[in-house]
Amino acid sequence: MEVREGYKQSEVGMVPEDWRTARLGYMSAFITSGSRGWAKYYSDSGALFVRSQNVRNGHLDLADRQYVTPPRGSEGNRTRLILGDLLITITGNSVGNVAMVEQELGEAYISQHVGLV
């Protein structure tokens, strides 16, 4: 494979020359996937529920919104979003899409199809 100017070959493929590669687990203290079975908590209002279709082209696309009234307990705490979180789609047709939480979303959670770093 030809290496383009300004790039180098790495164990994960072609990357810019000034990039280093590292395992995600070494770069983040917390990695998880979203809550399972929350469709039963869907509601017309409440907390934002970020699904894989919301993670598009490097940003959050919230045109298609879903809301939930989350259950009490650890599942909500584990999957709640905060400013600066990195989201990665982990199932379905859009596997590998990423987006960063770049604005305050209020109370928001991720679905089982989205990974949270």
PDB file of N, CA and C in Angstrom:
ATOM      1  N   MET A   1       0.849  -1.181   0.000  1.00  0.00           N
ATOM      2  CA  MET A   1       0.000   0.000   0.000  1.00  0.00           C
ATOM      3  C   MET A   1       0.893   1.242   0.000  1.00  0.00           C
ATOM      4  N   GLU A   2       0.541   2.165  -0.825  1.00  0.00           N
ATOM      5  CA  GLU A   2       1.301   3.408  -0.932  1.00  0.00           C
ATOM      6  C   GLU A   2       0.975   4.330   0.240  1.00  0.00           C
ATOM      7  N   VAL A   3       2.016   4.892   0.853  1.00  0.00           N
ATOM      8  CA  VAL A   3       1.834   5.813   1.969  1.00  0.00           C
ATOM      9  C   VAL A   3       1.838   7.231   1.422  1.00  0.00           C
ATOM     10  N   ARG A   4       0.740   7.929   1.641  1.00  0.00           N
ATOM     11  CA  ARG A   4       0.625   9.316   1.155  1.00  0.00           C
ATOM     12  C   ARG A   4       1.495  10.247   1.973  1.00  0.00           C
ATOM     13  N   GLU A   5       1.899  11.334   1.368  1.00  0.00           N
ATOM     14  CA  GLU A   5       2.715  12.334   2.057  1.00  0.00           C
ATOM     15  C   GLU A   5       1.964  12.861   3.279  1.00  0.00           C
ATOM     16  N   GLY A   6       2.662  12.942   4.417  1.00  0.00           N
ATOM     17  CA  GLY A   6       2.071  13.434   5.648  1.00  0.00           C
ATOM     18  C   GLY A   6       1.435  12.343   6.489  1.00  0.00           C
ATOM     19  N   TYR A   7       1.485  11.092   5.995  1.00  0.00           N
ATOM     20  CA  TYR A   7       0.895   9.959   6.701  1.00  0.00           C
ATOM     21  C   TYR A   7       1.943   8.883   6.945  1.00  0.00           C
ATOM     22  N   LYS A   8       1.612   7.961   7.814  1.00  0.00           N
ATOM     23  CA  LYS A   8       2.465   6.807   8.084  1.00  0.00           C
ATOM     24  C   LYS A   8       1.581   5.585   8.279  1.00  0.00           C
ATOM     25  N   GLN A   9       2.160   4.412   8.048  1.00  0.00           N
ATOM     26  CA  GLN A   9       1.458   3.167   8.276  1.00  0.00           C
ATOM     27  C   GLN A   9       1.599   2.804   9.754  1.00  0.00           C
ATOM     28  N   SER A  10       0.505   2.390  10.399  1.00  0.00           N
ATOM     29  CA  SER A  10       0.545   1.977  11.802  1.00  0.00           C
ATOM     30  C   SER A  10      -0.164   0.641  11.936  1.00  0.00           C
ATOM     31  N   GLU A  11      -0.205   0.101  13.142  1.00  0.00           N
ATOM     32  CA  GLU A  11      -0.889  -1.169  13.359  1.00  0.00           C
ATOM     33  C   GLU A  11      -2.403  -1.068  13.152  1.00  0.00           C
ATOM     34  N   VAL A  12      -2.945   0.142  13.106  1.00  0.00           N
ATOM     35  CA  VAL A  12      -4.378   0.319  12.854  1.00  0.00           C
ATOM     36  C   VAL A  12      -4.661   0.865  11.453  1.00  0.00           C
ATOM     37  N   GLY A  13      -3.633   0.973  10.654  1.00  0.00           N
ATOM     38  CA  GLY A  13      -3.794   1.489   9.301  1.00  0.00           C
ATOM     39  C   GLY A  13      -3.079   2.809   9.128  1.00  0.00           C
ATOM     40  N   MET A  14      -3.459   3.533   8.088  1.00  0.00           N
ATOM     41  CA  MET A  14      -2.828   4.799   7.741  1.00  0.00           C
ATOM     42  C   MET A  14      -3.294   5.895   8.704  1.00  0.00           C
ATOM     43  N   VAL A  15      -2.322   6.622   9.276  1.00  0.00           N
ATOM     44  CA  VAL A  15      -2.631   7.724  10.193  1.00  0.00           C
ATOM     45  C   VAL A  15      -1.708   8.902   9.891  1.00  0.00           C
ATOM     46  N   PRO A  16      -2.093  10.112  10.265  1.00  0.00           N
ATOM     47  CA  PRO A  16      -1.193  11.259  10.095  1.00  0.00           C
ATOM     48  C   PRO A  16       0.138  11.023  10.805  1.00  0.00           C
ATOM     49  N   GLU A  17       1.210  11.567  10.237  1.00  0.00           N
ATOM     50  CA  GLU A  17       2.566  11.339  10.767  1.00  0.00           C
ATOM     51  C   GLU A  17       2.723  11.709  12.235  1.00  0.00           C
ATOM     52  N   ASP A  18       2.032  12.751  12.679  1.00  0.00           N
ATOM     53  CA  ASP A  18       2.222  13.209  14.057  1.00  0.00           C
ATOM     54  C   ASP A  18       1.298  12.520  15.061  1.00  0.00           C
ATOM     55  N   TRP A  19       0.530  11.525  14.629  1.00  0.00           N
ATOM     56  CA  TRP A  19      -0.343  10.764  15.540  1.00  0.00           C
ATOM     57  C   TRP A  19       0.415   9.613  16.164  1.00  0.00           C
ATOM     58  N   ARG A  20       0.036   9.308  17.391  1.00  0.00           N
ATOM     59  CA  ARG A  20       0.491   8.089  18.051  1.00  0.00           C
ATOM     60  C   ARG A  20      -0.726   7.202  18.234  1.00  0.00           C
ATOM     61  N   THR A  21      -0.527   5.910  18.314  1.00  0.00           N
ATOM     62  CA  THR A  21      -1.646   5.005  18.559  1.00  0.00           C
ATOM     63  C   THR A  21      -1.539   4.441  19.967  1.00  0.00           C
ATOM     64  N   ALA A  22      -2.682   4.210  20.567  1.00  0.00           N
ATOM     65  CA  ALA A  22      -2.736   3.633  21.915  1.00  0.00           C
ATOM     66  C   ALA A  22      -4.075   2.924  22.067  1.00  0.00           C
ATOM     67  N   ARG A  23      -4.135   1.966  22.945  1.00  0.00           N
ATOM     68  CA  ARG A  23      -5.394   1.285  23.236  1.00  0.00           C
ATOM     69  C   ARG A  23      -6.325   2.253  23.964  1.00  0.00           C
ATOM     70  N   LEU A  24      -7.580   2.194  23.602  1.00  0.00           N
ATOM     71  CA  LEU A  24      -8.571   3.088  24.193  1.00  0.00           C
ATOM     72  C   LEU A  24      -8.616   2.949  25.711  1.00  0.00           C
ATOM     73  N   GLY A  25      -8.467   1.737  26.212  1.00  0.00           N
ATOM     74  CA  GLY A  25      -8.490   1.500  27.652  1.00  0.00           C
ATOM     75  C   GLY A  25      -7.378   2.219  28.406  1.00  0.00           C
ATOM     76  N   TYR A  26      -6.287   2.527  27.724  1.00  0.00           N
ATOM     77  CA  TYR A  26      -5.194   3.276  28.343  1.00  0.00           C
ATOM     78  C   TYR A  26      -5.467   4.780  28.353  1.00  0.00           C
ATOM     79  N   MET A  27      -6.400   5.199  27.511  1.00  0.00           N
ATOM     80  CA  MET A  27      -6.658   6.629  27.347  1.00  0.00           C
ATOM     81  C   MET A  27      -7.885   7.108  28.108  1.00  0.00           C
ATOM     82  N   SER A  28      -8.709   6.190  28.596  1.00  0.00           N
ATOM     83  CA  SER A  28      -9.932   6.571  29.277  1.00  0.00           C
ATOM     84  C   SER A  28     -10.141   5.735  30.532  1.00  0.00           C
ATOM     85  N   ALA A  29     -10.650   6.365  31.549  1.00  0.00           N
ATOM     86  CA  ALA A  29     -10.920   5.663  32.809  1.00  0.00           C
ATOM     87  C   ALA A  29     -12.254   4.924  32.773  1.00  0.00           C
ATOM     88  N   PHE A  30     -13.112   5.238  31.801  1.00  0.00           N
ATOM     89  CA  PHE A  30     -14.456   4.658  31.793  1.00  0.00           C
ATOM     90  C   PHE A  30     -14.900   4.361  30.367  1.00  0.00           C
ATOM     91  N   ILE A  31     -15.228   3.108  30.083  1.00  0.00           N
ATOM     92  CA  ILE A  31     -15.754   2.694  28.787  1.00  0.00           C
ATOM     93  C   ILE A  31     -16.923   1.753  29.065  1.00  0.00           C
ATOM     94  N   THR A  32     -18.067   2.011  28.421  1.00  0.00           N
ATOM     95  CA  THR A  32     -19.239   1.153  28.628  1.00  0.00           C
ATOM     96  C   THR A  32     -20.123   1.202  27.394  1.00  0.00           C
ATOM     97  N   SER A  33     -21.126   0.382  27.389  1.00  0.00           N
ATOM     98  CA  SER A  33     -22.150   0.449  26.344  1.00  0.00           C
ATOM     99  C   SER A  33     -23.451   0.903  27.003  1.00  0.00           C
ATOM    100  N   GLY A  34     -24.412   1.219  26.158  1.00  0.00           N
ATOM    101  CA  GLY A  34     -25.660   1.762  26.670  1.00  0.00           C
ATOM    102  C   GLY A  34     -26.583   0.743  27.306  1.00  0.00           C
ATOM    103  N   SER A  35     -27.625   1.267  27.858  1.00  0.00           N
ATOM    104  CA  SER A  35     -28.624   0.469  28.568  1.00  0.00           C
ATOM    105  C   SER A  35     -29.436  -0.389  27.613  1.00  0.00           C
ATOM    106  N   ARG A  36     -29.767  -1.593  28.056  1.00  0.00           N
ATOM    107  CA  ARG A  36     -30.569  -2.527  27.269  1.00  0.00           C
ATOM    108  C   ARG A  36     -32.016  -2.529  27.760  1.00  0.00           C
ATOM    109  N   GLY A  37     -32.922  -2.701  26.803  1.00  0.00           N
ATOM    110  CA  GLY A  37     -34.325  -2.845  27.172  1.00  0.00           C
ATOM    111  C   GLY A  37     -35.023  -1.577  27.622  1.00  0.00           C
ATOM    112  N   TRP A  38     -34.534  -0.432  27.206  1.00  0.00           N
ATOM    113  CA  TRP A  38     -35.154   0.813  27.657  1.00  0.00           C
ATOM    114  C   TRP A  38     -36.336   1.249  26.804  1.00  0.00           C
ATOM    115  N   ALA A  39     -36.683   0.519  25.756  1.00  0.00           N
ATOM    116  CA  ALA A  39     -37.841   0.915  24.936  1.00  0.00           C
ATOM    117  C   ALA A  39     -39.098   1.022  25.794  1.00  0.00           C
ATOM    118  N   LYS A  40     -39.189   0.225  26.831  1.00  0.00           N
ATOM    119  CA  LYS A  40     -40.368   0.277  27.707  1.00  0.00           C
ATOM    120  C   LYS A  40     -40.421   1.571  28.526  1.00  0.00           C
ATOM    121  N   TYR A  41     -39.314   2.331  28.536  1.00  0.00           N
ATOM    122  CA  TYR A  41     -39.273   3.596  29.270  1.00  0.00           C
ATOM    123  C   TYR A  41     -39.440   4.807  28.343  1.00  0.00           C
ATOM    124  N   TYR A  42     -39.667   4.576  27.033  1.00  0.00           N
ATOM    125  CA  TYR A  42     -39.872   5.680  26.094  1.00  0.00           C
ATOM    126  C   TYR A  42     -41.033   6.545  26.570  1.00  0.00           C
ATOM    127  N   SER A  43     -40.891   7.849  26.356  1.00  0.00           N
ATOM    128  CA  SER A  43     -41.951   8.778  26.732  1.00  0.00           C
ATOM    129  C   SER A  43     -41.947   9.962  25.776  1.00  0.00           C
ATOM    130  N   ASP A  44     -42.965  10.785  25.869  1.00  0.00           N
ATOM    131  CA  ASP A  44     -43.074  11.966  25.010  1.00  0.00           C
ATOM    132  C   ASP A  44     -42.216  13.121  25.508  1.00  0.00           C
ATOM    133  N   SER A  45     -41.747  13.013  26.733  1.00  0.00           N
ATOM    134  CA  SER A  45     -40.888  14.042  27.304  1.00  0.00           C
ATOM    135  C   SER A  45     -39.999  13.363  28.344  1.00  0.00           C
ATOM    136  N   GLY A  46     -39.082  14.129  28.881  1.00  0.00           N
ATOM    137  CA  GLY A  46     -38.184  13.565  29.884  1.00  0.00           C
ATOM    138  C   GLY A  46     -36.741  13.683  29.445  1.00  0.00           C
ATOM    139  N   ALA A  47     -35.946  12.689  29.785  1.00  0.00           N
ATOM    140  CA  ALA A  47     -34.523  12.705  29.470  1.00  0.00           C
ATOM    141  C   ALA A  47     -34.309  12.313  28.002  1.00  0.00           C
ATOM    142  N   LEU A  48     -33.330  12.935  27.375  1.00  0.00           N
ATOM    143  CA  LEU A  48     -32.959  12.604  26.008  1.00  0.00           C
ATOM    144  C   LEU A  48     -32.342  11.206  25.977  1.00  0.00           C
ATOM    145  N   PHE A  49     -32.708  10.407  24.985  1.00  0.00           N
ATOM    146  CA  PHE A  49     -32.187   9.050  24.828  1.00  0.00           C
ATOM    147  C   PHE A  49     -31.457   8.998  23.488  1.00  0.00           C
ATOM    148  N   VAL A  50     -30.139   9.017  23.526  1.00  0.00           N
ATOM    149  CA  VAL A  50     -29.313   9.053  22.316  1.00  0.00           C
ATOM    150  C   VAL A  50     -29.177   7.643  21.761  1.00  0.00           C
ATOM    151  N   ARG A  51     -29.579   7.492  20.486  1.00  0.00           N
ATOM    152  CA  ARG A  51     -29.543   6.208  19.805  1.00  0.00           C
ATOM    153  C   ARG A  51     -28.513   6.250  18.681  1.00  0.00           C
ATOM    154  N   SER A  52     -28.240   5.105  18.076  1.00  0.00           N
ATOM    155  CA  SER A  52     -27.198   5.042  17.047  1.00  0.00           C
ATOM    156  C   SER A  52     -27.477   5.995  15.886  1.00  0.00           C
ATOM    157  N   GLN A  53     -28.729   6.191  15.521  1.00  0.00           N
ATOM    158  CA  GLN A  53     -29.040   7.101  14.416  1.00  0.00           C
ATOM    159  C   GLN A  53     -28.717   8.561  14.742  1.00  0.00           C
ATOM    160  N   ASN A  54     -28.481   8.868  16.000  1.00  0.00           N
ATOM    161  CA  ASN A  54     -28.117  10.230  16.384  1.00  0.00           C
ATOM    162  C   ASN A  54     -26.621  10.493  16.259  1.00  0.00           C
ATOM    163  N   VAL A  55     -25.822   9.439  16.097  1.00  0.00           N
ATOM    164  CA  VAL A  55     -24.361   9.567  15.990  1.00  0.00           C
ATOM    165  C   VAL A  55     -24.014   9.504  14.504  1.00  0.00           C
ATOM    166  N   ARG A  56     -23.776  10.660  13.902  1.00  0.00           N
ATOM    167  CA  ARG A  56     -23.618  10.754  12.449  1.00  0.00           C
ATOM    168  C   ARG A  56     -22.521  11.737  12.052  1.00  0.00           C
ATOM    169  N   ASN A  57     -21.706  11.329  11.107  1.00  0.00           N
ATOM    170  CA  ASN A  57     -20.743  12.227  10.454  1.00  0.00           C
ATOM    171  C   ASN A  57     -19.921  13.055  11.437  1.00  0.00           C
ATOM    172  N   GLY A  58     -19.522  12.429  12.535  1.00  0.00           N
ATOM    173  CA  GLY A  58     -18.647  13.106  13.489  1.00  0.00           C
ATOM    174  C   GLY A  58     -19.347  14.033  14.473  1.00  0.00           C
ATOM    175  N   HIS A  59     -20.673  14.038  14.480  1.00  0.00           N
ATOM    176  CA  HIS A  59     -21.370  14.899  15.437  1.00  0.00           C
ATOM    177  C   HIS A  59     -22.695  14.258  15.845  1.00  0.00           C
ATOM    178  N   LEU A  60     -23.302  14.816  16.859  1.00  0.00           N
ATOM    179  CA  LEU A  60     -24.627  14.361  17.283  1.00  0.00           C
ATOM    180  C   LEU A  60     -25.682  15.050  16.432  1.00  0.00           C
ATOM    181  N   ASP A  61     -26.517  14.266  15.814  1.00  0.00           N
ATOM    182  CA  ASP A  61     -27.645  14.779  15.038  1.00  0.00           C
ATOM    183  C   ASP A  61     -28.904  14.484  15.843  1.00  0.00           C
ATOM    184  N   LEU A  62     -29.441  15.499  16.461  1.00  0.00           N
ATOM    185  CA  LEU A  62     -30.584  15.318  17.354  1.00  0.00           C
ATOM    186  C   LEU A  62     -31.908  15.712  16.718  1.00  0.00           C
ATOM    187  N   ALA A  63     -31.961  15.700  15.381  1.00  0.00           N
ATOM    188  CA  ALA A  63     -33.210  16.010  14.687  1.00  0.00           C
ATOM    189  C   ALA A  63     -34.283  14.967  15.018  1.00  0.00           C
ATOM    190  N   ASP A  64     -33.886  13.702  15.139  1.00  0.00           N
ATOM    191  CA  ASP A  64     -34.804  12.615  15.487  1.00  0.00           C
ATOM    192  C   ASP A  64     -34.581  12.294  16.966  1.00  0.00           C
ATOM    193  N   ARG A  65     -35.396  12.876  17.811  1.00  0.00           N
ATOM    194  CA  ARG A  65     -35.216  12.726  19.260  1.00  0.00           C
ATOM    195  C   ARG A  65     -36.140  11.680  19.858  1.00  0.00           C
ATOM    196  N   GLN A  66     -35.603  10.973  20.824  1.00  0.00           N
ATOM    197  CA  GLN A  66     -36.398  10.056  21.630  1.00  0.00           C
ATOM    198  C   GLN A  66     -36.173  10.437  23.086  1.00  0.00           C
ATOM    199  N   TYR A  67     -37.199  10.337  23.883  1.00  0.00           N
ATOM    200  CA  TYR A  67     -37.099  10.650  25.302  1.00  0.00           C
ATOM    201  C   TYR A  67     -37.434   9.416  26.126  1.00  0.00           C
ATOM    202  N   VAL A  68     -36.910   9.388  27.340  1.00  0.00           N
ATOM    203  CA  VAL A  68     -37.186   8.287  28.259  1.00  0.00           C
ATOM    204  C   VAL A  68     -37.443   8.830  29.653  1.00  0.00           C
ATOM    205  N   THR A  69     -38.176   8.047  30.409  1.00  0.00           N
ATOM    206  CA  THR A  69     -38.276   8.244  31.845  1.00  0.00           C
ATOM    207  C   THR A  69     -37.466   7.094  32.432  1.00  0.00           C
ATOM    208  N   PRO A  70     -36.190   7.334  32.740  1.00  0.00           N
ATOM    209  CA  PRO A  70     -35.289   6.232  33.096  1.00  0.00           C
ATOM    210  C   PRO A  70     -35.647   5.572  34.431  1.00  0.00           C
ATOM    211  N   PRO A  71     -35.290   4.294  34.532  1.00  0.00           N
ATOM    212  CA  PRO A  71     -35.511   3.599  35.799  1.00  0.00           C
ATOM    213  C   PRO A  71     -34.547   4.130  36.848  1.00  0.00           C
ATOM    214  N   ARG A  72     -34.889   3.992  38.073  1.00  0.00           N
ATOM    215  CA  ARG A  72     -33.994   4.395  39.158  1.00  0.00           C
ATOM    216  C   ARG A  72     -32.909   3.335  39.300  1.00  0.00           C
ATOM    217  N   GLY A  73     -31.710   3.775  39.697  1.00  0.00           N
ATOM    218  CA  GLY A  73     -30.652   2.811  39.972  1.00  0.00           C
ATOM    219  C   GLY A  73     -29.430   2.962  39.091  1.00  0.00           C
ATOM    220  N   SER A  74     -28.599   1.951  39.141  1.00  0.00           N
ATOM    221  CA  SER A  74     -27.276   2.017  38.548  1.00  0.00           C
ATOM    222  C   SER A  74     -27.265   2.112  37.032  1.00  0.00           C
ATOM    223  N   GLU A  75     -28.218   1.520  36.329  1.00  0.00           N
ATOM    224  CA  GLU A  75     -28.221   1.589  34.865  1.00  0.00           C
ATOM    225  C   GLU A  75     -28.263   3.030  34.387  1.00  0.00           C
ATOM    226  N   GLY A  76     -29.065   3.834  35.024  1.00  0.00           N
ATOM    227  CA  GLY A  76     -29.113   5.239  34.650  1.00  0.00           C
ATOM    228  C   GLY A  76     -27.807   5.949  34.931  1.00  0.00           C
ATOM    229  N   ASN A  77     -27.225   5.701  36.069  1.00  0.00           N
ATOM    230  CA  ASN A  77     -25.963   6.353  36.419  1.00  0.00           C
ATOM    231  C   ASN A  77     -24.841   5.951  35.467  1.00  0.00           C
ATOM    232  N   ARG A  78     -24.800   4.688  35.076  1.00  0.00           N
ATOM    233  CA  ARG A  78     -23.730   4.166  34.226  1.00  0.00           C
ATOM    234  C   ARG A  78     -23.797   4.711  32.804  1.00  0.00           C
ATOM    235  N   THR A  79     -24.976   5.006  32.311  1.00  0.00           N
ATOM    236  CA  THR A  79     -25.133   5.369  30.901  1.00  0.00           C
ATOM    237  C   THR A  79     -25.506   6.838  30.688  1.00  0.00           C
ATOM    238  N   ARG A  80     -25.384   7.639  31.718  1.00  0.00           N
ATOM    239  CA  ARG A  80     -25.723   9.058  31.606  1.00  0.00           C
ATOM    240  C   ARG A  80     -24.582   9.810  30.926  1.00  0.00           C
ATOM    241  N   LEU A  81     -24.944  10.725  30.038  1.00  0.00           N
ATOM    242  CA  LEU A  81     -23.961  11.491  29.279  1.00  0.00           C
ATOM    243  C   LEU A  81     -23.553  12.771  29.994  1.00  0.00           C
ATOM    244  N   ILE A  82     -22.287  13.145  29.797  1.00  0.00           N
ATOM    245  CA  ILE A  82     -21.791  14.427  30.274  1.00  0.00           C
ATOM    246  C   ILE A  82     -20.982  15.082  29.163  1.00  0.00           C
ATOM    247  N   LEU A  83     -20.784  16.354  29.283  1.00  0.00           N
ATOM    248  CA  LEU A  83     -20.006  17.128  28.330  1.00  0.00           C
ATOM    249  C   LEU A  83     -18.627  16.505  28.154  1.00  0.00           C
ATOM    250  N   GLY A  84     -18.200  16.325  26.916  1.00  0.00           N
ATOM    251  CA  GLY A  84     -16.883  15.768  26.624  1.00  0.00           C
ATOM    252  C   GLY A  84     -16.861  14.270  26.382  1.00  0.00           C
ATOM    253  N   ASP A  85     -17.979  13.580  26.603  1.00  0.00           N
ATOM    254  CA  ASP A  85     -18.033  12.139  26.339  1.00  0.00           C
ATOM    255  C   ASP A  85     -17.860  11.876  24.849  1.00  0.00           C
ATOM    256  N   LEU A  86     -17.226  10.745  24.530  1.00  0.00           N
ATOM    257  CA  LEU A  86     -17.083  10.277  23.160  1.00  0.00           C
ATOM    258  C   LEU A  86     -18.077   9.137  22.962  1.00  0.00           C
ATOM    259  N   LEU A  87     -18.859   9.211  21.886  1.00  0.00           N
ATOM    260  CA  LEU A  87     -19.857   8.190  21.576  1.00  0.00           C
ATOM    261  C   LEU A  87     -19.444   7.455  20.310  1.00  0.00           C
ATOM    262  N   ILE A  88     -19.608   6.127  20.311  1.00  0.00           N
ATOM    263  CA  ILE A  88     -19.251   5.287  19.170  1.00  0.00           C
ATOM    264  C   ILE A  88     -20.388   4.306  18.927  1.00  0.00           C
ATOM    265  N   THR A  89     -20.893   4.252  17.700  1.00  0.00           N
ATOM    266  CA  THR A  89     -21.932   3.266  17.405  1.00  0.00           C
ATOM    267  C   THR A  89     -21.282   1.884  17.362  1.00  0.00           C
ATOM    268  N   ILE A  90     -21.922   0.910  18.019  1.00  0.00           N
ATOM    269  CA  ILE A  90     -21.300  -0.402  18.167  1.00  0.00           C
ATOM    270  C   ILE A  90     -22.116  -1.546  17.562  1.00  0.00           C
ATOM    271  N   THR A  91     -23.304  -1.266  17.037  1.00  0.00           N
ATOM    272  CA  THR A  91     -24.107  -2.289  16.359  1.00  0.00           C
ATOM    273  C   THR A  91     -24.843  -1.660  15.191  1.00  0.00           C
ATOM    274  N   GLY A  92     -25.366  -2.492  14.307  1.00  0.00           N
ATOM    275  CA  GLY A  92     -26.190  -2.022  13.202  1.00  0.00           C
ATOM    276  C   GLY A  92     -25.391  -1.560  11.998  1.00  0.00           C
ATOM    277  N   ASN A  93     -26.071  -0.884  11.082  1.00  0.00           N
ATOM    278  CA  ASN A  93     -25.456  -0.424   9.835  1.00  0.00           C
ATOM    279  C   ASN A  93     -24.436   0.675  10.022  1.00  0.00           C
ATOM    280  N   SER A  94     -24.486   1.352  11.131  1.00  0.00           N
ATOM    281  CA  SER A  94     -23.626   2.521  11.313  1.00  0.00           C
ATOM    282  C   SER A  94     -22.458   2.277  12.266  1.00  0.00           C
ATOM    283  N   VAL A  95     -22.041   1.016  12.425  1.00  0.00           N
ATOM    284  CA  VAL A  95     -20.949   0.694  13.344  1.00  0.00           C
ATOM    285  C   VAL A  95     -19.724   1.550  13.023  1.00  0.00           C
ATOM    286  N   GLY A  96     -19.150   2.128  14.060  1.00  0.00           N
ATOM    287  CA  GLY A  96     -17.931   2.915  13.904  1.00  0.00           C
ATOM    288  C   GLY A  96     -18.137   4.407  13.777  1.00  0.00           C
ATOM    289  N   ASN A  97     -19.373   4.861  13.646  1.00  0.00           N
ATOM    290  CA  ASN A  97     -19.596   6.309  13.639  1.00  0.00           C
ATOM    291  C   ASN A  97     -19.272   6.854  15.026  1.00  0.00           C
ATOM    292  N   VAL A  98     -18.691   8.029  15.069  1.00  0.00           N
ATOM    293  CA  VAL A  98     -18.318   8.640  16.341  1.00  0.00           C
ATOM    294  C   VAL A  98     -18.844  10.069  16.430  1.00  0.00           C
ATOM    295  N   ALA A  99     -19.032  10.506  17.650  1.00  0.00           N
ATOM    296  CA  ALA A  99     -19.430  11.897  17.913  1.00  0.00           C
ATOM    297  C   ALA A  99     -19.015  12.231  19.334  1.00  0.00           C
ATOM    298  N   MET A 100     -18.763  13.486  19.566  1.00  0.00           N
ATOM    299  CA  MET A 100     -18.427  13.956  20.897  1.00  0.00           C
ATOM    300  C   MET A 100     -19.588  14.778  21.431  1.00  0.00           C
ATOM    301  N   VAL A 101     -19.834  14.670  22.720  1.00  0.00           N
ATOM    302  CA  VAL A 101     -20.850  15.507  23.358  1.00  0.00           C
ATOM    303  C   VAL A 101     -20.194  16.870  23.564  1.00  0.00           C
ATOM    304  N   GLU A 102     -20.527  17.800  22.663  1.00  0.00           N
ATOM    305  CA  GLU A 102     -19.866  19.102  22.645  1.00  0.00           C
ATOM    306  C   GLU A 102     -20.708  20.223  23.245  1.00  0.00           C
ATOM    307  N   GLN A 103     -21.922  19.880  23.653  1.00  0.00           N
ATOM    308  CA  GLN A 103     -22.768  20.878  24.309  1.00  0.00           C
ATOM    309  C   GLN A 103     -23.512  20.208  25.450  1.00  0.00           C
ATOM    310  N   GLU A 104     -23.908  20.992  26.401  1.00  0.00           N
ATOM    311  CA  GLU A 104     -24.655  20.472  27.541  1.00  0.00           C
ATOM    312  C   GLU A 104     -25.999  19.972  27.040  1.00  0.00           C
ATOM    313  N   LEU A 105     -26.338  18.718  27.335  1.00  0.00           N
ATOM    314  CA  LEU A 105     -27.586  18.116  26.870  1.00  0.00           C
ATOM    315  C   LEU A 105     -28.644  18.010  27.950  1.00  0.00           C
ATOM    316  N   GLY A 106     -28.310  18.407  29.161  1.00  0.00           N
ATOM    317  CA  GLY A 106     -29.223  18.175  30.266  1.00  0.00           C
ATOM    318  C   GLY A 106     -29.168  16.702  30.619  1.00  0.00           C
ATOM    319  N   GLU A 107     -30.250  16.164  31.113  1.00  0.00           N
ATOM    320  CA  GLU A 107     -30.278  14.737  31.445  1.00  0.00           C
ATOM    321  C   GLU A 107     -30.389  13.939  30.140  1.00  0.00           C
ATOM    322  N   ALA A 108     -29.381  13.101  29.865  1.00  0.00           N
ATOM    323  CA  ALA A 108     -29.354  12.325  28.617  1.00  0.00           C
ATOM    324  C   ALA A 108     -28.648  11.003  28.852  1.00  0.00           C
ATOM    325  N   TYR A 109     -29.082   9.976  28.134  1.00  0.00           N
ATOM    326  CA  TYR A 109     -28.567   8.613  28.276  1.00  0.00           C
ATOM    327  C   TYR A 109     -28.329   8.023  26.896  1.00  0.00           C
ATOM    328  N   ILE A 110     -27.579   6.906  26.830  1.00  0.00           N
ATOM    329  CA  ILE A 110     -27.328   6.234  25.564  1.00  0.00           C
ATOM    330  C   ILE A 110     -28.035   4.893  25.494  1.00  0.00           C
ATOM    331  N   SER A 111     -28.353   4.478  24.269  1.00  0.00           N
ATOM    332  CA  SER A 111     -28.982   3.171  24.047  1.00  0.00           C
ATOM    333  C   SER A 111     -27.917   2.084  23.981  1.00  0.00           C
ATOM    334  N   GLN A 112     -28.360   0.855  23.908  1.00  0.00           N
ATOM    335  CA  GLN A 112     -27.457  -0.294  23.876  1.00  0.00           C
ATOM    336  C   GLN A 112     -26.620  -0.349  22.610  1.00  0.00           C
ATOM    337  N   HIS A 113     -26.943   0.421  21.607  1.00  0.00           N
ATOM    338  CA  HIS A 113     -26.236   0.408  20.331  1.00  0.00           C
ATOM    339  C   HIS A 113     -25.110   1.436  20.284  1.00  0.00           C
ATOM    340  N   VAL A 114     -24.901   2.128  21.393  1.00  0.00           N
ATOM    341  CA  VAL A 114     -23.894   3.193  21.458  1.00  0.00           C
ATOM    342  C   VAL A 114     -22.926   2.906  22.595  1.00  0.00           C
ATOM    343  N   GLY A 115     -21.637   3.011  22.286  1.00  0.00           N
ATOM    344  CA  GLY A 115     -20.613   2.893  23.312  1.00  0.00           C
ATOM    345  C   GLY A 115     -20.274   4.275  23.842  1.00  0.00           C
ATOM    346  N   LEU A 116     -19.841   4.327  25.089  1.00  0.00           N
ATOM    347  CA  LEU A 116     -19.546   5.585  25.773  1.00  0.00           C
ATOM    348  C   LEU A 116     -18.127   5.551  26.316  1.00  0.00           C
ATOM    349  N   VAL A 117     -17.342   6.554  25.967  1.00  0.00           N
ATOM    350  CA  VAL A 117     -15.971   6.678  26.469  1.00  0.00           C
ATOM    351  C   VAL A 117     -15.868   8.006  27.185  1.00  0.00           C
TER     352      VAL A 117
END
